[in-house]
Amino acid sequence: MSVGKKKSSQEQGKIVEEKAKNQEISKEKMGIGPENFEIIGLIGKGSFGEVYLVEEREKKQRYAMKVLNKEMIYRYNLMKYAKAERNVLSITRHPFLNKLNFAFQTSHMLILILDFLPGGDLTYHLKKMKKFSEELARIYLAEIVLALEHLHQKDIIFRDLKPDNIVLDADGHAVLTDFGLSKEGVLDHLQGARSFCGYVFIIYCHKELEFVGRWRTWPRRC
């Protein structure tokens, strides 16, 4: 009898475990959407969307929710920039690049759920501190170079390197954000890219740093 009861309890345990797994699978199939997040506040606002601090309702994890207005994207023909950002974030994993956790859309919005970086951007810190110490600047530069190197290894150029797009995480490390102007599939590093970069009325170029055994500048063609 005791053996029979033991087997019965084991079988019941397996049934409970299988049900739990099936529930997890069903939840994954159902996907995730805006209803899974509670908006805490507005972090930033741009010409084509906003960034909100949100909290995932179940796990209470905080993220940055980037919301892009579809009407504005279609009106100004910016879909390629939205796709570029999603694609780059989907294939990159690096401690000094912002991480994409979820991506979904509604009838009116494209939504990216990113890691929340609470430290503020370098523009804010430069205004506050006037200038960085040589030691601090060296650390930020090293982290930026490592992030760019990771992108270059995946045949991606960033094309939007500026203090506004370098944000500090909770530990004070520099993290690159905003990949809308990034260029994918740049196989010839000497030739670079020949497309225009910029949002409709803003066209500009930057130089990026590439680290391959030594420091050198990699001028990019827009």
Protein backbone atom coordinates (compact mmCIF):
# COMPACT_ATOMS: atom_id res chain seq x y z
CA MET A 1 0.00 0.00 0.00
CA SER A 2 2.77 2.41 0.90
CA VAL A 3 4.49 1.71 -2.42
CA GLY A 4 1.26 2.27 -4.30
CA LYS A 5 0.65 5.53 -2.52
CA LYS A 6 4.23 6.61 -3.27
CA LYS A 7 3.79 5.91 -6.97
CA SER A 8 0.47 7.73 -6.96
CA SER A 9 2.01 10.83 -5.38
CA GLN A 10 4.88 10.75 -7.90
CA GLU A 11 2.41 10.51 -10.78
CA GLN A 12 0.41 13.40 -9.36
CA GLY A 13 3.61 15.42 -9.07
CA LYS A 14 4.40 14.78 -12.74
CA ILE A 15 0.87 15.78 -13.75
CA VAL A 16 1.16 19.05 -11.79
CA GLU A 17 4.58 19.72 -13.34
CA GLU A 18 3.28 19.07 -16.88
CA LYS A 19 0.31 21.39 -16.28
CA ALA A 20 2.67 24.12 -15.09
CA LYS A 21 4.81 23.70 -18.20
CA ASN A 22 1.74 23.80 -20.45
CA GLN A 23 0.59 27.00 -18.75
CA GLU A 24 4.01 28.59 -19.33
CA ILE A 25 3.96 27.54 -22.99
CA SER A 26 0.42 28.90 -23.40
CA LYS A 27 1.52 32.17 -21.84
CA GLU A 28 4.47 32.42 -24.24
CA LYS A 29 2.19 31.75 -27.22
CA MET A 30 -0.21 34.44 -26.04
CA GLY A 31 2.64 36.93 -26.26
CA ILE A 32 2.99 40.22 -24.44
CA GLY A 33 1.46 43.64 -25.00
CA PRO A 34 0.87 47.08 -23.47
CA GLU A 35 -1.56 45.62 -20.95
CA ASN A 36 1.36 43.80 -19.29
CA PHE A 37 3.00 47.10 -18.26
CA GLU A 38 2.06 49.93 -15.95
CA ILE A 39 3.30 53.40 -16.95
CA ILE A 40 5.12 55.15 -14.10
CA GLY A 41 6.18 58.33 -15.88
CA LEU A 42 7.52 60.02 -18.99
CA ILE A 43 11.31 59.82 -19.45
CA GLY A 44 11.74 61.63 -22.76
CA LYS A 45 9.87 62.90 -25.79
CA GLY A 46 10.94 63.18 -29.43
CA SER A 47 9.45 64.20 -32.76
CA PHE A 48 8.00 60.76 -33.49
CA GLY A 49 7.41 59.18 -30.10
CA GLU A 50 7.97 59.04 -26.37
CA VAL A 51 9.94 56.97 -23.87
CA TYR A 52 8.22 55.94 -20.64
CA LEU A 53 9.38 54.33 -17.44
CA VAL A 54 7.15 51.27 -17.00
CA GLU A 55 6.82 48.34 -14.63
CA GLU A 56 5.96 44.82 -15.75
CA ARG A 57 2.84 43.93 -13.77
CA GLU A 58 3.68 40.31 -12.91
CA LYS A 59 7.40 40.40 -12.07
CA LYS A 60 7.52 44.09 -11.03
CA GLN A 61 10.57 44.62 -13.24
CA ARG A 62 11.11 48.17 -14.50
CA TYR A 63 11.88 48.93 -18.15
CA ALA A 64 12.01 51.82 -20.59
CA MET A 65 9.13 51.65 -23.07
CA LYS A 66 9.87 53.38 -26.38
CA VAL A 67 6.63 54.19 -28.20
CA LEU A 68 6.73 55.22 -31.86
CA ASN A 69 3.71 56.78 -33.53
CA LYS A 70 2.84 54.82 -36.69
CA GLU A 71 1.09 57.78 -38.33
CA MET A 72 4.20 59.94 -38.01
CA ILE A 73 6.45 57.10 -39.18
CA TYR A 74 4.40 56.54 -42.33
CA ARG A 75 3.96 60.27 -42.97
CA TYR A 76 7.70 60.94 -42.96
CA ASN A 77 8.71 57.59 -44.47
CA LEU A 78 10.68 56.50 -41.39
CA MET A 79 9.77 52.82 -41.31
CA LYS A 80 13.31 51.78 -42.28
CA TYR A 81 14.68 53.57 -39.20
CA ALA A 82 12.21 51.80 -36.89
CA LYS A 83 13.05 48.44 -38.47
CA ALA A 84 16.78 49.14 -38.25
CA GLU A 85 16.56 49.84 -34.53
CA ARG A 86 14.56 46.68 -33.85
CA ASN A 87 16.86 44.55 -36.02
CA VAL A 88 20.07 45.85 -34.44
CA LEU A 89 18.74 45.41 -30.92
CA SER A 90 17.55 41.89 -31.78
CA ILE A 91 20.97 40.60 -32.85
CA THR A 92 23.23 42.39 -30.35
CA ARG A 93 23.96 41.44 -26.76
CA HIS A 94 26.63 43.51 -25.05
CA PRO A 95 26.93 45.12 -21.60
CA PHE A 96 27.51 48.56 -23.17
CA LEU A 97 24.60 48.38 -25.65
CA ASN A 98 21.02 48.84 -24.54
CA LYS A 99 19.10 45.57 -24.44
CA LEU A 100 15.80 44.85 -26.20
CA ASN A 101 13.56 42.71 -23.98
CA PHE A 102 10.28 42.75 -25.93
CA ALA A 103 8.94 44.25 -29.16
CA PHE A 104 5.30 44.44 -30.24
CA GLN A 105 2.83 46.74 -31.94
CA THR A 106 -0.72 47.97 -31.75
CA SER A 107 -2.87 49.50 -34.48
CA HIS A 108 -1.34 52.93 -33.76
CA MET A 109 2.03 52.30 -32.12
CA LEU A 110 5.32 50.44 -32.46
CA ILE A 111 6.66 49.58 -29.02
CA LEU A 112 10.14 48.54 -27.84
CA ILE A 113 10.69 47.44 -24.24
CA LEU A 114 14.30 48.26 -23.35
CA ASP A 115 16.44 48.10 -20.22
CA PHE A 116 15.87 51.13 -18.01
CA LEU A 117 19.08 53.15 -17.65
CA PRO A 118 18.65 55.42 -14.61
CA GLY A 119 21.99 57.24 -14.72
CA GLY A 120 21.15 59.97 -17.25
CA ASP A 121 22.88 60.75 -20.56
CA LEU A 122 26.32 62.28 -20.98
CA THR A 123 24.85 65.60 -22.14
CA TYR A 124 23.24 65.98 -18.71
CA HIS A 125 26.46 65.05 -16.90
CA LEU A 126 28.63 67.34 -19.05
CA LYS A 127 26.35 70.28 -18.28
CA LYS A 128 26.47 69.42 -14.59
CA MET A 129 30.22 68.71 -14.30
CA LYS A 130 31.43 71.08 -17.08
CA LYS A 131 34.11 68.53 -17.99
CA PHE A 132 35.04 64.96 -17.11
CA SER A 133 38.27 64.03 -15.40
CA GLU A 134 40.81 62.28 -17.60
CA GLU A 135 40.31 59.03 -15.70
CA LEU A 136 36.51 59.11 -16.08
CA ALA A 137 36.72 60.09 -19.76
CA ARG A 138 39.11 57.20 -20.35
CA ILE A 139 36.63 54.73 -18.82
CA TYR A 140 33.69 56.05 -20.85
CA LEU A 141 35.74 56.03 -24.04
CA ALA A 142 36.87 52.44 -23.48
CA GLU A 143 33.28 51.28 -22.92
CA ILE A 144 32.05 53.14 -26.02
CA VAL A 145 34.82 51.63 -28.15
CA LEU A 146 33.96 48.12 -26.93
CA ALA A 147 30.30 48.70 -27.81
CA LEU A 148 31.19 50.00 -31.30
CA GLU A 149 33.58 47.11 -31.84
CA HIS A 150 30.76 44.66 -31.09
CA LEU A 151 28.54 46.41 -33.65
CA HIS A 152 31.32 46.47 -36.26
CA GLN A 153 31.93 42.74 -35.77
CA LYS A 154 28.30 42.22 -36.77
CA ASP A 155 28.74 44.49 -39.86
CA ILE A 156 26.75 47.32 -38.27
CA ILE A 157 27.79 50.97 -38.03
CA PHE A 158 26.14 53.15 -35.40
CA ARG A 159 26.04 56.54 -37.21
CA ASP A 160 24.54 58.49 -34.30
CA LEU A 161 27.35 58.84 -31.80
CA LYS A 162 26.70 61.85 -29.56
CA PRO A 163 26.43 62.51 -25.80
CA ASP A 164 22.60 62.34 -25.94
CA ASN A 165 22.80 58.69 -27.01
CA ILE A 166 25.28 57.60 -24.35
CA VAL A 167 23.40 56.83 -21.13
CA LEU A 168 24.71 55.60 -17.79
CA ASP A 169 23.29 52.45 -16.24
CA ALA A 170 22.70 51.86 -12.53
CA ASP A 171 26.40 51.07 -12.01
CA GLY A 172 27.64 54.14 -13.90
CA HIS A 173 28.73 52.34 -17.09
CA ALA A 174 28.29 54.04 -20.47
CA VAL A 175 25.63 52.38 -22.66
CA LEU A 176 24.82 53.24 -26.29
CA THR A 177 21.14 53.83 -27.10
CA ASP A 178 18.98 54.82 -30.10
CA PHE A 179 19.89 52.67 -33.12
CA GLY A 180 17.48 54.17 -35.65
CA LEU A 181 20.25 55.55 -37.85
CA SER A 182 22.38 52.40 -37.70
CA LYS A 183 23.38 50.76 -40.97
CA GLU A 184 23.28 46.98 -41.28
CA GLY A 185 25.19 44.72 -43.65
CA VAL A 186 28.26 46.93 -44.14
CA LEU A 187 30.65 44.23 -45.34
CA ASP A 188 33.33 46.48 -46.81
CA HIS A 189 34.74 48.47 -43.89
CA LEU A 190 36.89 50.62 -46.15
CA GLN A 191 34.01 51.63 -48.39
CA GLY A 192 31.53 52.16 -45.54
CA ALA A 193 27.95 53.21 -46.34
CA ARG A 194 26.73 55.60 -49.02
CA SER A 195 23.17 56.26 -47.89
CA PHE A 196 22.00 59.52 -46.30
CA CYS A 197 21.49 59.39 -42.56
CA GLY A 198 19.19 61.73 -40.68
CA TYR A 199 15.53 62.34 -39.98
CA VAL A 200 14.09 64.15 -43.01
CA PHE A 201 15.55 67.59 -42.35
CA ILE A 202 18.58 66.67 -40.26
CA ILE A 203 21.53 65.18 -42.15
CA TYR A 204 24.84 64.84 -40.45
CA CYS A 205 27.88 62.59 -40.19
CA HIS A 206 29.97 61.37 -37.30
CA LYS A 207 33.24 59.53 -36.98
CA GLU A 208 33.30 56.26 -35.14
CA LEU A 209 36.17 54.55 -33.42
CA GLU A 210 37.11 50.99 -34.29
CA PHE A 211 39.46 48.95 -32.17
CA VAL A 212 41.22 46.12 -33.99
CA GLY A 213 44.49 45.61 -32.20
CA ARG A 214 45.12 49.37 -32.12
CA TRP A 215 43.22 52.69 -31.92
CA ARG A 216 42.27 54.26 -35.21
CA THR A 217 39.43 56.35 -36.59
CA TRP A 218 37.02 54.86 -39.09
CA PRO A 219 35.46 57.74 -41.07
CA ARG A 220 32.05 56.71 -42.30
CA ARG A 221 30.36 57.83 -45.48
CA CYS A 222 26.75 58.84 -45.08
